């Protein structure tokens, strides 16, 4: 049984979409933060936390992928001169 929705603004989708977009494009850390906010609001308002989990996953993938690219010297716009 799900808890009754709390009063206030439900920003579950907003946080989730922001986390996915930022996690994929540029900032893995922001993706993780917005993913956490999405999961928090999903629990508070009785919504699905799927977008939050995706945002966290993409943020982690971005961080790991960026670290791998930096360590191999293949990171775009990274000047090794």
PDB file of N, CA and C in Angstrom:
ATOM      1  N   UNK A   1       0.841  -1.174   0.000  1.00  0.00           N
ATOM      2  CA  UNK A   1       0.000   0.000   0.000  1.00  0.00           C
ATOM      3  C   UNK A   1       0.885   1.236   0.000  1.00  0.00           C
ATOM      4  N   UNK A   2       0.591   2.153  -0.897  1.00  0.00           N
ATOM      5  CA  UNK A   2       1.395   3.369  -1.009  1.00  0.00           C
ATOM      6  C   UNK A   2       0.891   4.420  -0.030  1.00  0.00           C
ATOM      7  N   UNK A   3       1.807   5.250   0.471  1.00  0.00           N
ATOM      8  CA  UNK A   3       1.379   6.308   1.385  1.00  0.00           C
ATOM      9  C   UNK A   3       0.568   7.360   0.638  1.00  0.00           C
ATOM     10  N   UNK A   4      -0.296   8.063   1.337  1.00  0.00           N
ATOM     11  CA  UNK A   4      -1.061   9.124   0.655  1.00  0.00           C
ATOM     12  C   UNK A   4      -0.132  10.235   0.197  1.00  0.00           C
ATOM     13  N   UNK A   5      -0.445  10.871  -0.925  1.00  0.00           N
ATOM     14  CA  UNK A   5       0.427  11.937  -1.428  1.00  0.00           C
ATOM     15  C   UNK A   5       0.530  13.087  -0.428  1.00  0.00           C
ATOM     16  N   UNK A   6       1.718  13.593  -0.282  1.00  0.00           N
ATOM     17  CA  UNK A   6       1.951  14.730   0.609  1.00  0.00           C
ATOM     18  C   UNK A   6       1.520  16.013  -0.099  1.00  0.00           C
ATOM     19  N   UNK A   7       1.333  17.047   0.673  1.00  0.00           N
ATOM     20  CA  UNK A   7       0.973  18.331   0.084  1.00  0.00           C
ATOM     21  C   UNK A   7       2.223  19.023  -0.410  1.00  0.00           C
ATOM     22  N   UNK A   8       2.081  19.822  -1.436  1.00  0.00           N
ATOM     23  CA  UNK A   8       3.213  20.563  -1.963  1.00  0.00           C
ATOM     24  C   UNK A   8       3.391  20.291  -3.439  1.00  0.00           C
ATOM     25  N   UNK A   9       4.522  20.728  -3.950  1.00  0.00           N
ATOM     26  CA  UNK A   9       4.800  20.571  -5.368  1.00  0.00           C
ATOM     27  C   UNK A   9       5.538  19.265  -5.625  1.00  0.00           C
ATOM     28  N   UNK A  10       5.012  18.482  -6.557  1.00  0.00           N
ATOM     29  CA  UNK A  10       5.639  17.225  -6.939  1.00  0.00           C
ATOM     30  C   UNK A  10       6.612  17.501  -8.079  1.00  0.00           C
ATOM     31  N   UNK A  11       7.899  17.465  -7.778  1.00  0.00           N
ATOM     32  CA  UNK A  11       8.918  17.738  -8.790  1.00  0.00           C
ATOM     33  C   UNK A  11       9.693  16.470  -9.158  1.00  0.00           C
ATOM     34  N   UNK A  12       9.081  15.319  -8.952  1.00  0.00           N
ATOM     35  CA  UNK A  12       9.744  14.051  -9.227  1.00  0.00           C
ATOM     36  C   UNK A  12      10.227  13.983 -10.666  1.00  0.00           C
ATOM     37  N   UNK A  13       9.360  14.301 -11.613  1.00  0.00           N
ATOM     38  CA  UNK A  13       9.721  14.224 -13.027  1.00  0.00           C
ATOM     39  C   UNK A  13      10.752  15.282 -13.383  1.00  0.00           C
ATOM     40  N   UNK A  14      10.604  16.472 -12.866  1.00  0.00           N
ATOM     41  CA  UNK A  14      11.559  17.546 -13.146  1.00  0.00           C
ATOM     42  C   UNK A  14      12.960  17.143 -12.709  1.00  0.00           C
ATOM     43  N   UNK A  15      13.107  16.688 -11.461  1.00  0.00           N
ATOM     44  CA  UNK A  15      14.419  16.288 -10.969  1.00  0.00           C
ATOM     45  C   UNK A  15      14.972  15.117 -11.774  1.00  0.00           C
ATOM     46  N   UNK A  16      14.109  14.163 -12.110  1.00  0.00           N
ATOM     47  CA  UNK A  16      14.558  13.000 -12.861  1.00  0.00           C
ATOM     48  C   UNK A  16      15.057  13.355 -14.251  1.00  0.00           C
ATOM     49  N   UNK A  17      14.303  14.175 -14.961  1.00  0.00           N
ATOM     50  CA  UNK A  17      14.704  14.564 -16.320  1.00  0.00           C
ATOM     51  C   UNK A  17      15.971  15.417 -16.286  1.00  0.00           C
ATOM     52  N   UNK A  18      16.042  16.357 -15.356  1.00  0.00           N
ATOM     53  CA  UNK A  18      17.268  17.159 -15.221  1.00  0.00           C
ATOM     54  C   UNK A  18      18.473  16.269 -14.925  1.00  0.00           C
ATOM     55  N   UNK A  19      18.299  15.294 -14.051  1.00  0.00           N
ATOM     56  CA  UNK A  19      19.389  14.389 -13.711  1.00  0.00           C
ATOM     57  C   UNK A  19      19.837  13.555 -14.890  1.00  0.00           C
ATOM     58  N   UNK A  20      18.884  13.055 -15.677  1.00  0.00           N
ATOM     59  CA  UNK A  20      19.233  12.248 -16.847  1.00  0.00           C
ATOM     60  C   UNK A  20      19.976  13.094 -17.871  1.00  0.00           C
ATOM     61  N   UNK A  21      19.449  14.271 -18.177  1.00  0.00           N
ATOM     62  CA  UNK A  21      20.075  15.126 -19.193  1.00  0.00           C
ATOM     63  C   UNK A  21      21.472  15.547 -18.754  1.00  0.00           C
ATOM     64  N   UNK A  22      21.609  16.038 -17.533  1.00  0.00           N
ATOM     65  CA  UNK A  22      22.918  16.486 -17.058  1.00  0.00           C
ATOM     66  C   UNK A  22      23.872  15.312 -16.873  1.00  0.00           C
ATOM     67  N   UNK A  23      23.360  14.175 -16.438  1.00  0.00           N
ATOM     68  CA  UNK A  23      24.202  13.003 -16.262  1.00  0.00           C
ATOM     69  C   UNK A  23      24.727  12.475 -17.577  1.00  0.00           C
ATOM     70  N   UNK A  24      23.932  12.572 -18.631  1.00  0.00           N
ATOM     71  CA  UNK A  24      24.373  12.099 -19.944  1.00  0.00           C
ATOM     72  C   UNK A  24      25.303  13.089 -20.633  1.00  0.00           C
ATOM     73  N   UNK A  25      24.987  14.374 -20.548  1.00  0.00           N
ATOM     74  CA  UNK A  25      25.696  15.355 -21.359  1.00  0.00           C
ATOM     75  C   UNK A  25      26.982  15.847 -20.706  1.00  0.00           C
ATOM     76  N   UNK A  26      26.899  16.310 -19.458  1.00  0.00           N
ATOM     77  CA  UNK A  26      28.087  16.995 -18.937  1.00  0.00           C
ATOM     78  C   UNK A  26      28.485  16.603 -17.531  1.00  0.00           C
ATOM     79  N   UNK A  27      27.587  16.663 -16.609  1.00  0.00           N
ATOM     80  CA  UNK A  27      27.960  16.669 -15.197  1.00  0.00           C
ATOM     81  C   UNK A  27      27.404  15.451 -14.473  1.00  0.00           C
ATOM     82  N   UNK A  28      28.236  14.446 -14.291  1.00  0.00           N
ATOM     83  CA  UNK A  28      27.795  13.239 -13.614  1.00  0.00           C
ATOM     84  C   UNK A  28      27.380  13.489 -12.179  1.00  0.00           C
ATOM     85  N   UNK A  29      28.088  14.376 -11.508  1.00  0.00           N
ATOM     86  CA  UNK A  29      27.772  14.659 -10.103  1.00  0.00           C
ATOM     87  C   UNK A  29      26.384  15.300  -9.984  1.00  0.00           C
ATOM     88  N   UNK A  30      26.077  16.241 -10.875  1.00  0.00           N
ATOM     89  CA  UNK A  30      24.742  16.852 -10.847  1.00  0.00           C
ATOM     90  C   UNK A  30      23.665  15.837 -11.190  1.00  0.00           C
ATOM     91  N   UNK A  31      23.971  14.912 -12.100  1.00  0.00           N
ATOM     92  CA  UNK A  31      23.032  13.851 -12.425  1.00  0.00           C
ATOM     93  C   UNK A  31      22.691  13.011 -11.206  1.00  0.00           C
ATOM     94  N   UNK A  32      23.708  12.698 -10.411  1.00  0.00           N
ATOM     95  CA  UNK A  32      23.494  11.916  -9.190  1.00  0.00           C
ATOM     96  C   UNK A  32      22.680  12.714  -8.173  1.00  0.00           C
ATOM     97  N   UNK A  33      22.989  13.986  -8.022  1.00  0.00           N
ATOM     98  CA  UNK A  33      22.258  14.826  -7.063  1.00  0.00           C
ATOM     99  C   UNK A  33      20.791  14.946  -7.454  1.00  0.00           C
ATOM    100  N   UNK A  34      20.522  15.255  -8.723  1.00  0.00           N
ATOM    101  CA  UNK A  34      19.133  15.380  -9.157  1.00  0.00           C
ATOM    102  C   UNK A  34      18.414  14.034  -9.120  1.00  0.00           C
ATOM    103  N   UNK A  35      19.144  12.952  -9.371  1.00  0.00           N
ATOM    104  CA  UNK A  35      18.553  11.619  -9.249  1.00  0.00           C
ATOM    105  C   UNK A  35      18.108  11.340  -7.827  1.00  0.00           C
ATOM    106  N   UNK A  36      18.957  11.712  -6.871  1.00  0.00           N
ATOM    107  CA  UNK A  36      18.581  11.544  -5.464  1.00  0.00           C
ATOM    108  C   UNK A  36      17.336  12.369  -5.128  1.00  0.00           C
ATOM    109  N   UNK A  37      17.300  13.621  -5.607  1.00  0.00           N
ATOM    110  CA  UNK A  37      16.127  14.467  -5.343  1.00  0.00           C
ATOM    111  C   UNK A  37      14.864  13.868  -5.958  1.00  0.00           C
ATOM    112  N   UNK A  38      15.000  13.273  -7.143  1.00  0.00           N
ATOM    113  CA  UNK A  38      13.852  12.649  -7.792  1.00  0.00           C
ATOM    114  C   UNK A  38      13.347  11.453  -6.987  1.00  0.00           C
ATOM    115  N   UNK A  39      14.268  10.623  -6.505  1.00  0.00           N
ATOM    116  CA  UNK A  39      13.868   9.461  -5.700  1.00  0.00           C
ATOM    117  C   UNK A  39      13.221   9.918  -4.398  1.00  0.00           C
ATOM    118  N   UNK A  40      13.779  10.954  -3.790  1.00  0.00           N
ATOM    119  CA  UNK A  40      13.203  11.481  -2.547  1.00  0.00           C
ATOM    120  C   UNK A  40      11.774  11.962  -2.750  1.00  0.00           C
ATOM    121  N   UNK A  41      11.556  12.737  -3.823  1.00  0.00           N
ATOM    122  CA  UNK A  41      10.207  13.224  -4.099  1.00  0.00           C
ATOM    123  C   UNK A  41       9.276  12.097  -4.518  1.00  0.00           C
ATOM    124  N   UNK A  42       9.797  11.101  -5.226  1.00  0.00           N
ATOM    125  CA  UNK A  42       8.958   9.972  -5.631  1.00  0.00           C
ATOM    126  C   UNK A  42       8.427   9.247  -4.400  1.00  0.00           C
ATOM    127  N   UNK A  43       9.267   9.057  -3.415  1.00  0.00           N
ATOM    128  CA  UNK A  43       8.805   8.405  -2.180  1.00  0.00           C
ATOM    129  C   UNK A  43       7.810   9.284  -1.437  1.00  0.00           C
ATOM    130  N   UNK A  44       8.064  10.574  -1.434  1.00  0.00           N
ATOM    131  CA  UNK A  44       7.199  11.508  -0.712  1.00  0.00           C
ATOM    132  C   UNK A  44       5.806  11.589  -1.330  1.00  0.00           C
ATOM    133  N   UNK A  45       5.729  11.541  -2.666  1.00  0.00           N
ATOM    134  CA  UNK A  45       4.454  11.735  -3.348  1.00  0.00           C
ATOM    135  C   UNK A  45       3.871  10.447  -3.923  1.00  0.00           C
ATOM    136  N   UNK A  46       4.481   9.308  -3.632  1.00  0.00           N
ATOM    137  CA  UNK A  46       3.933   8.041  -4.090  1.00  0.00           C
ATOM    138  C   UNK A  46       4.090   7.797  -5.583  1.00  0.00           C
ATOM    139  N   UNK A  47       5.146   8.329  -6.188  1.00  0.00           N
ATOM    140  CA  UNK A  47       5.407   8.161  -7.619  1.00  0.00           C
ATOM    141  C   UNK A  47       6.446   7.067  -7.839  1.00  0.00           C
ATOM    142  N   UNK A  48       6.684   6.743  -9.100  1.00  0.00           N
ATOM    143  CA  UNK A  48       7.714   5.777  -9.447  1.00  0.00           C
ATOM    144  C   UNK A  48       9.091   6.442  -9.396  1.00  0.00           C
ATOM    145  N   UNK A  49      10.089   5.807  -8.769  1.00  0.00           N
ATOM    146  CA  UNK A  49      11.425   6.393  -8.676  1.00  0.00           C
ATOM    147  C   UNK A  49      12.330   6.059  -9.865  1.00  0.00           C
ATOM    148  N   UNK A  50      11.764   5.527 -10.953  1.00  0.00           N
ATOM    149  CA  UNK A  50      12.570   5.060 -12.080  1.00  0.00           C
ATOM    150  C   UNK A  50      13.461   6.155 -12.665  1.00  0.00           C
ATOM    151  N   UNK A  51      12.936   7.360 -12.865  1.00  0.00           N
ATOM    152  CA  UNK A  51      13.738   8.442 -13.438  1.00  0.00           C
ATOM    153  C   UNK A  51      14.928   8.781 -12.541  1.00  0.00           C
ATOM    154  N   UNK A  52      14.732   8.742 -11.255  1.00  0.00           N
ATOM    155  CA  UNK A  52      15.826   9.011 -10.333  1.00  0.00           C
ATOM    156  C   UNK A  52      16.923   7.965 -10.412  1.00  0.00           C
ATOM    157  N   UNK A  53      16.522   6.698 -10.503  1.00  0.00           N
ATOM    158  CA  UNK A  53      17.520   5.629 -10.629  1.00  0.00           C
ATOM    159  C   UNK A  53      18.277   5.741 -11.946  1.00  0.00           C
ATOM    160  N   UNK A  54      17.577   6.082 -13.021  1.00  0.00           N
ATOM    161  CA  UNK A  54      18.242   6.263 -14.309  1.00  0.00           C
ATOM    162  C   UNK A  54      19.221   7.429 -14.254  1.00  0.00           C
ATOM    163  N   UNK A  55      18.820   8.522 -13.623  1.00  0.00           N
ATOM    164  CA  UNK A  55      19.699   9.685 -13.508  1.00  0.00           C
ATOM    165  C   UNK A  55      20.969   9.338 -12.744  1.00  0.00           C
ATOM    166  N   UNK A  56      20.828   8.583 -11.663  1.00  0.00           N
ATOM    167  CA  UNK A  56      22.002   8.181 -10.891  1.00  0.00           C
ATOM    168  C   UNK A  56      22.888   7.263 -11.719  1.00  0.00           C
ATOM    169  N   UNK A  57      22.285   6.319 -12.426  1.00  0.00           N
ATOM    170  CA  UNK A  57      23.071   5.398 -13.251  1.00  0.00           C
ATOM    171  C   UNK A  57      23.836   6.144 -14.335  1.00  0.00           C
ATOM    172  N   UNK A  58      23.163   7.063 -15.031  1.00  0.00           N
ATOM    173  CA  UNK A  58      23.841   7.827 -16.083  1.00  0.00           C
ATOM    174  C   UNK A  58      24.925   8.728 -15.512  1.00  0.00           C
ATOM    175  N   UNK A  59      24.696   9.296 -14.334  1.00  0.00           N
ATOM    176  CA  UNK A  59      25.716  10.119 -13.701  1.00  0.00           C
ATOM    177  C   UNK A  59      26.952   9.313 -13.355  1.00  0.00           C
ATOM    178  N   UNK A  60      26.755   8.112 -12.816  1.00  0.00           N
ATOM    179  CA  UNK A  60      27.885   7.247 -12.481  1.00  0.00           C
ATOM    180  C   UNK A  60      28.631   6.826 -13.748  1.00  0.00           C
ATOM    181  N   UNK A  61      27.874   6.469 -14.796  1.00  0.00           N
ATOM    182  CA  UNK A  61      28.497   6.086 -16.073  1.00  0.00           C
ATOM    183  C   UNK A  61      29.311   7.250 -16.632  1.00  0.00           C
ATOM    184  N   UNK A  62      28.784   8.469 -16.529  1.00  0.00           N
ATOM    185  CA  UNK A  62      29.503   9.650 -17.007  1.00  0.00           C
ATOM    186  C   UNK A  62      30.810   9.831 -16.250  1.00  0.00           C
ATOM    187  N   UNK A  63      30.766   9.689 -14.942  1.00  0.00           N
ATOM    188  CA  UNK A  63      31.977   9.874 -14.131  1.00  0.00           C
ATOM    189  C   UNK A  63      33.007   8.796 -14.463  1.00  0.00           C
ATOM    190  N   UNK A  64      32.569   7.545 -14.524  1.00  0.00           N
ATOM    191  CA  UNK A  64      33.501   6.451 -14.821  1.00  0.00           C
ATOM    192  C   UNK A  64      34.049   6.575 -16.240  1.00  0.00           C
ATOM    193  N   UNK A  65      33.163   6.869 -17.197  1.00  0.00           N
ATOM    194  CA  UNK A  65      33.610   7.027 -18.585  1.00  0.00           C
ATOM    195  C   UNK A  65      34.587   8.179 -18.737  1.00  0.00           C
ATOM    196  N   UNK A  66      34.315   9.294 -18.079  1.00  0.00           N
ATOM    197  CA  UNK A  66      35.226  10.434 -18.133  1.00  0.00           C
ATOM    198  C   UNK A  66      36.577  10.110 -17.521  1.00  0.00           C
ATOM    199  N   UNK A  67      36.573   9.363 -16.419  1.00  0.00           N
ATOM    200  CA  UNK A  67      37.838   8.980 -15.785  1.00  0.00           C
ATOM    201  C   UNK A  67      38.642   8.058 -16.703  1.00  0.00           C
ATOM    202  N   UNK A  68      37.963   7.136 -17.368  1.00  0.00           N
ATOM    203  CA  UNK A  68      38.655   6.228 -18.291  1.00  0.00           C
ATOM    204  C   UNK A  68      39.234   7.010 -19.464  1.00  0.00           C
ATOM    205  N   UNK A  69      38.442   7.915 -20.025  1.00  0.00           N
ATOM    206  CA  UNK A  69      38.937   8.700 -21.160  1.00  0.00           C
ATOM    207  C   UNK A  69      40.114   9.589 -20.759  1.00  0.00           C
ATOM    208  N   UNK A  70      40.041  10.182 -19.578  1.00  0.00           N
ATOM    209  CA  UNK A  70      41.157  11.020 -19.121  1.00  0.00           C
ATOM    210  C   UNK A  70      42.420  10.187 -18.898  1.00  0.00           C
ATOM    211  N   UNK A  71      42.247   9.004 -18.333  1.00  0.00           N
ATOM    212  CA  UNK A  71      43.427   8.183 -18.026  1.00  0.00           C
ATOM    213  C   UNK A  71      44.087   7.624 -19.281  1.00  0.00           C
ATOM    214  N   UNK A  72      43.308   7.429 -20.360  1.00  0.00           N
ATOM    215  CA  UNK A  72      43.892   6.930 -21.610  1.00  0.00           C
ATOM    216  C   UNK A  72      44.347   8.056 -22.522  1.00  0.00           C
ATOM    217  N   UNK A  73      44.040   9.300 -22.158  1.00  0.00           N
ATOM    218  CA  UNK A  73      44.445  10.439 -22.976  1.00  0.00           C
ATOM    219  C   UNK A  73      43.529  10.707 -24.148  1.00  0.00           C
ATOM    220  N   UNK A  74      42.352  10.115 -24.173  1.00  0.00           N
ATOM    221  CA  UNK A  74      41.415  10.280 -25.286  1.00  0.00           C
ATOM    222  C   UNK A  74      40.271  11.221 -24.975  1.00  0.00           C
ATOM    223  N   UNK A  75      40.361  11.962 -23.889  1.00  0.00           N
ATOM    224  CA  UNK A  75      39.264  12.844 -23.512  1.00  0.00           C
ATOM    225  C   UNK A  75      39.171  14.013 -24.499  1.00  0.00           C
ATOM    226  N   UNK A  76      37.981  14.269 -25.061  1.00  0.00           N
ATOM    227  CA  UNK A  76      37.857  15.375 -26.011  1.00  0.00           C
ATOM    228  C   UNK A  76      38.162  16.718 -25.347  1.00  0.00           C
ATOM    229  N   UNK A  77      38.800  17.588 -26.093  1.00  0.00           N
ATOM    230  CA  UNK A  77      39.158  18.941 -25.645  1.00  0.00           C
ATOM    231  C   UNK A  77      40.171  18.933 -24.509  1.00  0.00           C
ATOM    232  N   UNK A  78      40.822  17.820 -24.265  1.00  0.00           N
ATOM    233  CA  UNK A  78      41.846  17.730 -23.224  1.00  0.00           C
ATOM    234  C   UNK A  78      43.176  17.920 -23.899  1.00  0.00           C
ATOM    235  N   UNK A  79      43.857  19.003 -23.592  1.00  0.00           N
ATOM    236  CA  UNK A  79      45.115  19.330 -24.263  1.00  0.00           C
ATOM    237  C   UNK A  79      46.275  18.782 -23.441  1.00  0.00           C
ATOM    238  N   UNK A  80      47.014  17.845 -24.011  1.00  0.00           N
ATOM    239  CA  UNK A  80      48.125  17.224 -23.292  1.00  0.00           C
ATOM    240  C   UNK A  80      49.457  17.938 -23.551  1.00  0.00           C
ATOM    241  N   UNK A  81      49.441  19.057 -24.235  1.00  0.00           N
ATOM    242  CA  UNK A  81      50.692  19.746 -24.563  1.00  0.00           C
ATOM    243  C   UNK A  81      51.254  20.475 -23.373  1.00  0.00           C
TER     244      UNK A  81
END
